[in-house]
Amino acid sequence: MLLLYYIKQAALCQLDYSRFSGGILFPQSAAKGERTVNTNMQPQTEAVDIRAFFAALQKNILLIALLALAFGAAGLFGTQLLVTPLYQAKASMIVNADPTQSRPTVTSDQINSAKQLVDTYAVLLTSSSMTGRIRQDLSISLTDQELAGRISISAVNNTQIMQLTVSDPSPTQAQAIAQSLVENAPAVIAQMTDMDSRSVKTVADAVVGSEPVNLHPLRNGLIGLLLGGALGIGVSVLRVMLNNRFLTDEDVRRQLNLPVLGVIPVTDTAG
């Protein structure tokens, strides 16, 4: 009976069976095989609605979870395995723009002069004159350029205090370099400028931190987890957007704006 129904509809509407796809029948007009729809009408493209979005997430939840866990594990364990830990030792010194005074009054001019001296001293304390003294004191195998690259000098909150920071894979060596830097700073500054060696004084000796400063496994693991999850969501949505197959008669009506006469169900004919 179902077959007779489709034969009757085909005779009335002059169906073009070349348009038979996936069990869906598209009608044609009786006049010269033209479609009943406007030929100027283009297929409609619609954004993925919120229901399709959540359906895609639900369908690909395993993929999203696997990518999130993989990236999270890479960020967590990759940091510990691939990144060389660095320890920092810090010391501080005060810059006196007028060392001839036993108790200099702090004025705005002196503070501004001291700030300028901090920038100047930062260059001097990373020069080969300073690194050469440190290498000689500690008998280390680093070159002047390598040693200078591990030293950082900056003013503390726009004050006369300058902070000396040394980064090194060895906490013991980081502290030794920072302490040698503090001890040799007055002599190097006096040698290379017309300033008195008393223009800088030690405020705090070198102290090294107990933990590496460049390892953040938990943070990197969380970032990897978020990136992996975002990648999984993106892949899921992309799979939905690139899927141009008609799965239901509603897909045909929505995308092509064509009426559907009927749907032939898929049956198992093997038995």
Protein backbone atom coordinates (compact mmCIF):
# COMPACT_ATOMS: atom_id res chain seq x y z
CA MET A 1 0.00 0.00 0.00
CA LEU A 2 2.85 2.38 0.82
CA LEU A 3 4.38 1.79 -2.62
CA LEU A 4 1.05 2.47 -4.37
CA TYR A 5 0.79 5.74 -2.44
CA TYR A 6 4.15 6.98 -3.73
CA ILE A 7 3.36 5.88 -7.30
CA LYS A 8 0.15 7.88 -7.18
CA GLN A 9 1.91 10.95 -5.80
CA ALA A 10 4.63 10.63 -8.43
CA ALA A 11 2.07 10.55 -11.21
CA LEU A 12 0.28 13.62 -9.91
CA CYS A 13 3.33 15.76 -9.15
CA GLN A 14 5.71 14.39 -11.81
CA LEU A 15 8.41 13.60 -9.29
CA ASP A 16 11.98 13.69 -10.47
CA TYR A 17 13.48 10.56 -8.92
CA SER A 18 16.96 11.87 -9.57
CA ARG A 19 16.28 14.00 -6.46
CA PHE A 20 15.58 10.96 -4.35
CA SER A 21 18.10 11.03 -1.48
CA GLY A 22 18.20 9.26 1.83
CA GLY A 23 14.59 8.16 1.63
CA ILE A 24 13.30 11.75 1.16
CA LEU A 25 11.16 12.61 -1.90
CA PHE A 26 11.19 16.16 -3.34
CA PRO A 27 8.16 17.27 -5.49
CA GLN A 28 8.42 18.93 -8.89
CA SER A 29 5.83 21.08 -10.66
CA ALA A 30 3.97 19.69 -13.63
CA ALA A 31 5.23 22.39 -15.94
CA LYS A 32 8.43 21.31 -17.66
CA GLY A 33 9.85 19.73 -14.56
CA GLU A 34 10.41 23.04 -12.75
CA ARG A 35 10.44 23.03 -9.00
CA THR A 36 7.58 24.57 -7.15
CA VAL A 37 9.97 26.86 -5.27
CA ASN A 38 11.43 30.09 -6.55
CA THR A 39 14.57 29.31 -8.57
CA ASN A 40 16.20 32.52 -7.33
CA MET A 41 16.02 31.33 -3.77
CA GLN A 42 19.41 30.30 -2.34
CA PRO A 43 19.86 27.58 0.27
CA GLN A 44 19.57 29.10 3.72
CA THR A 45 22.54 28.97 6.06
CA GLU A 46 21.81 29.22 9.72
CA ALA A 47 24.09 29.44 12.70
CA VAL A 48 24.25 26.50 15.01
CA ASP A 49 21.50 27.08 17.55
CA ILE A 50 21.95 26.61 21.26
CA ARG A 51 20.30 23.19 21.24
CA ALA A 52 22.64 21.89 18.56
CA PHE A 53 25.57 23.34 20.50
CA PHE A 54 24.72 21.49 23.70
CA ALA A 55 23.87 18.37 21.75
CA ALA A 56 27.33 18.48 20.17
CA LEU A 57 28.93 18.88 23.61
CA GLN A 58 26.98 15.96 24.98
CA LYS A 59 27.84 13.78 22.01
CA ASN A 60 31.57 14.61 22.20
CA ILE A 61 31.91 14.81 25.98
CA LEU A 62 34.47 12.00 26.01
CA LEU A 63 36.65 13.76 23.42
CA ILE A 64 36.47 17.02 25.37
CA ALA A 65 37.41 15.29 28.62
CA LEU A 66 40.34 13.43 27.05
CA LEU A 67 41.78 16.57 25.47
CA ALA A 68 41.39 18.53 28.71
CA LEU A 69 43.13 15.82 30.74
CA ALA A 70 45.90 15.39 28.17
CA PHE A 71 46.71 19.09 28.01
CA GLY A 72 46.41 19.44 31.78
CA ALA A 73 48.83 16.57 32.37
CA ALA A 74 51.24 18.03 29.82
CA GLY A 75 51.21 21.38 31.60
CA LEU A 76 51.58 19.80 35.03
CA PHE A 77 54.31 17.25 34.39
CA GLY A 78 55.94 18.95 31.41
CA THR A 79 56.87 21.91 33.60
CA GLN A 80 58.69 19.69 36.05
CA LEU A 81 60.41 17.58 33.40
CA LEU A 82 61.38 20.14 30.77
CA VAL A 83 61.95 23.42 32.64
CA THR A 84 65.21 23.99 34.52
CA PRO A 85 64.43 25.36 37.99
CA LEU A 86 65.88 28.76 38.85
CA TYR A 87 66.50 30.10 42.35
CA GLN A 88 66.77 33.77 43.19
CA ALA A 89 69.00 35.43 45.75
CA LYS A 90 68.27 39.05 46.67
CA ALA A 91 70.26 41.77 48.39
CA SER A 92 69.69 45.49 48.74
CA MET A 93 71.85 48.61 48.91
CA ILE A 94 71.15 52.28 49.51
CA VAL A 95 72.45 54.94 47.14
CA ASN A 96 73.68 58.17 48.69
CA ALA A 97 74.00 61.03 46.25
CA ASP A 98 76.13 63.04 48.74
CA PRO A 99 78.32 60.65 50.75
CA THR A 100 80.32 63.50 52.31
CA GLN A 101 77.52 64.19 54.79
CA SER A 102 77.40 61.92 57.80
CA ARG A 103 73.64 62.34 58.16
CA PRO A 104 72.28 63.68 54.91
CA THR A 105 68.85 65.19 54.99
CA VAL A 106 66.53 63.53 52.53
CA THR A 107 65.34 66.08 50.00
CA SER A 108 63.52 65.68 46.73
CA ASP A 109 66.67 66.70 44.84
CA GLN A 110 68.69 64.02 46.59
CA ILE A 111 66.08 61.39 45.89
CA ASN A 112 65.97 62.32 42.20
CA SER A 113 69.77 62.25 42.03
CA ALA A 114 69.81 58.89 43.76
CA LYS A 115 67.30 57.50 41.26
CA GLN A 116 69.54 58.54 38.39
CA LEU A 117 72.52 56.96 40.15
CA VAL A 118 70.61 53.68 40.51
CA ASP A 119 70.26 53.46 36.73
CA THR A 120 73.95 54.27 36.31
CA TYR A 121 75.06 51.81 38.96
CA ALA A 122 72.90 49.09 37.41
CA VAL A 123 75.02 49.32 34.27
CA LEU A 124 78.30 49.42 36.19
CA LEU A 125 77.44 46.44 38.38
CA THR A 126 76.79 44.23 35.35
CA SER A 127 79.92 45.33 33.49
CA SER A 128 82.94 43.11 32.90
CA SER A 129 84.79 44.86 35.73
CA MET A 130 82.24 43.55 38.23
CA THR A 131 81.69 40.11 36.68
CA GLY A 132 85.46 39.61 36.48
CA ARG A 133 85.78 40.21 40.23
CA ILE A 134 82.92 37.81 40.96
CA ARG A 135 84.36 35.07 38.77
CA GLN A 136 87.72 35.49 40.46
CA ASP A 137 86.22 35.40 43.97
CA LEU A 138 84.04 32.35 43.37
CA SER A 139 86.12 30.53 40.73
CA ILE A 140 83.06 29.84 38.59
CA SER A 141 83.19 28.80 34.94
CA LEU A 142 80.62 31.29 33.65
CA THR A 143 81.60 33.90 31.08
CA ASP A 144 81.13 37.61 31.73
CA GLN A 145 78.08 37.69 29.45
CA GLU A 146 76.48 34.65 31.10
CA LEU A 147 77.08 36.04 34.57
CA ALA A 148 75.75 39.49 33.67
CA GLY A 149 72.61 37.88 32.26
CA ARG A 150 71.84 36.38 35.67
CA ILE A 151 72.07 39.72 37.50
CA SER A 152 69.15 42.13 37.69
CA ILE A 153 69.25 45.52 39.44
CA SER A 154 66.29 47.83 39.98
CA ALA A 155 65.10 50.65 42.23
CA VAL A 156 62.64 49.74 44.98
CA ASN A 157 59.42 51.75 44.62
CA ASN A 158 61.21 54.83 43.24
CA THR A 159 63.39 55.16 46.34
CA GLN A 160 67.13 55.36 46.97
CA ILE A 161 67.16 51.61 47.63
CA MET A 162 68.33 49.39 44.81
CA GLN A 163 67.63 45.68 44.82
CA LEU A 164 70.15 43.23 43.43
CA THR A 165 68.70 39.94 42.21
CA VAL A 166 70.67 36.92 41.00
CA SER A 167 69.02 33.94 39.30
CA ASP A 168 70.81 30.60 39.07
CA PRO A 169 69.93 26.88 38.88
CA SER A 170 71.91 26.40 42.09
CA PRO A 171 70.56 28.19 45.18
CA THR A 172 73.99 28.13 46.81
CA GLN A 173 75.67 29.71 43.80
CA ALA A 174 72.89 32.29 43.45
CA GLN A 175 73.46 33.45 47.03
CA ALA A 176 77.25 33.46 46.61
CA ILE A 177 77.06 35.59 43.46
CA ALA A 178 74.67 38.07 45.08
CA GLN A 179 76.85 38.40 48.17
CA SER A 180 79.99 38.91 46.09
CA LEU A 181 78.11 41.53 44.08
CA VAL A 182 77.24 43.45 47.24
CA GLU A 183 80.76 43.26 48.63
CA ASN A 184 82.47 44.41 45.43
CA ALA A 185 79.95 47.11 44.47
CA PRO A 186 81.56 50.04 46.39
CA ALA A 187 85.03 49.38 44.98
CA VAL A 188 83.82 48.97 41.38
CA ILE A 189 81.72 52.14 41.55
CA ALA A 190 84.61 54.14 43.03
CA GLN A 191 86.97 52.75 40.38
CA MET A 192 84.76 53.58 37.41
CA THR A 193 83.33 56.93 38.58
CA ASP A 194 84.43 59.92 40.61
CA MET A 195 81.99 58.93 43.35
CA ASP A 196 83.18 57.95 46.80
CA SER A 197 82.94 54.28 47.72
CA ARG A 198 80.55 55.35 50.46
CA SER A 199 77.98 56.33 47.84
CA VAL A 200 76.51 52.84 48.22
CA LYS A 201 76.00 50.92 51.42
CA THR A 202 74.63 47.48 52.10
CA VAL A 203 71.13 47.38 53.52
CA ALA A 204 70.57 43.62 53.47
CA ASP A 205 72.94 40.78 52.66
CA ALA A 206 72.09 38.15 50.07
CA VAL A 207 69.26 35.78 50.95
CA VAL A 208 68.13 32.97 48.64
CA GLY A 209 64.60 31.67 48.33
CA SER A 210 63.85 28.05 49.16
CA GLU A 211 61.62 27.43 46.12
CA PRO A 212 62.27 27.86 42.37
CA VAL A 213 60.80 31.03 40.94
CA ASN A 214 60.06 29.78 37.43
CA LEU A 215 58.17 26.55 38.14
CA HIS A 216 54.40 26.84 38.40
CA PRO A 217 53.12 23.30 37.75
CA LEU A 218 49.63 23.83 39.18
CA ARG A 219 49.10 27.03 37.22
CA ASN A 220 50.43 25.49 34.01
CA GLY A 221 48.32 22.38 34.58
CA LEU A 222 45.18 24.49 35.01
CA ILE A 223 46.00 26.48 31.87
CA GLY A 224 46.53 23.23 29.96
CA LEU A 225 43.23 21.89 31.28
CA LEU A 226 41.36 24.96 30.06
CA LEU A 227 43.12 24.95 26.68
CA GLY A 228 42.39 21.26 26.15
CA GLY A 229 38.74 21.72 27.07
CA ALA A 230 38.43 24.73 24.78
CA LEU A 231 40.02 22.76 21.94
CA GLY A 232 37.60 19.87 22.49
CA ILE A 233 34.61 22.22 22.45
CA GLY A 234 35.88 23.87 19.28
CA VAL A 235 36.32 20.53 17.54
CA SER A 236 32.82 19.46 18.58
CA VAL A 237 31.20 22.63 17.24
CA LEU A 238 33.24 22.44 14.05
CA ARG A 239 32.08 18.90 13.41
CA VAL A 240 28.47 20.06 13.66
CA MET A 241 29.02 23.05 11.37
CA LEU A 242 30.80 20.97 8.71
CA ASN A 243 28.19 18.22 8.75
CA ASN A 244 26.02 19.06 5.70
CA ARG A 245 24.10 15.79 5.56
CA PHE A 246 20.32 15.72 5.75
CA LEU A 247 19.37 13.48 8.63
CA THR A 248 15.68 14.36 8.93
CA ASP A 249 12.93 15.84 6.78
CA GLU A 250 13.06 18.90 9.02
CA ASP A 251 16.65 19.49 7.85
CA VAL A 252 15.41 19.58 4.24
CA ARG A 253 12.63 22.05 4.97
CA ARG A 254 14.90 24.32 6.98
CA GLN A 255 17.98 24.32 4.76
CA LEU A 256 16.46 24.10 1.25
CA ASN A 257 13.00 25.51 1.87
CA LEU A 258 11.48 22.54 0.02
CA PRO A 259 8.32 20.68 0.98
CA VAL A 260 8.73 16.98 1.67
CA LEU A 261 6.10 14.52 0.38
CA GLY A 262 7.19 11.67 2.56
CA VAL A 263 10.02 9.64 4.01
CA ILE A 264 10.80 6.04 3.15
CA PRO A 265 11.92 4.28 6.32
CA VAL A 266 15.08 2.19 6.27
CA THR A 267 14.25 -1.49 6.75
CA ASP A 268 16.38 -4.55 7.10
CA THR A 269 15.83 -6.64 3.96
CA ALA A 270 18.50 -9.21 4.70
CA GLY A 271 16.07 -11.45 6.54
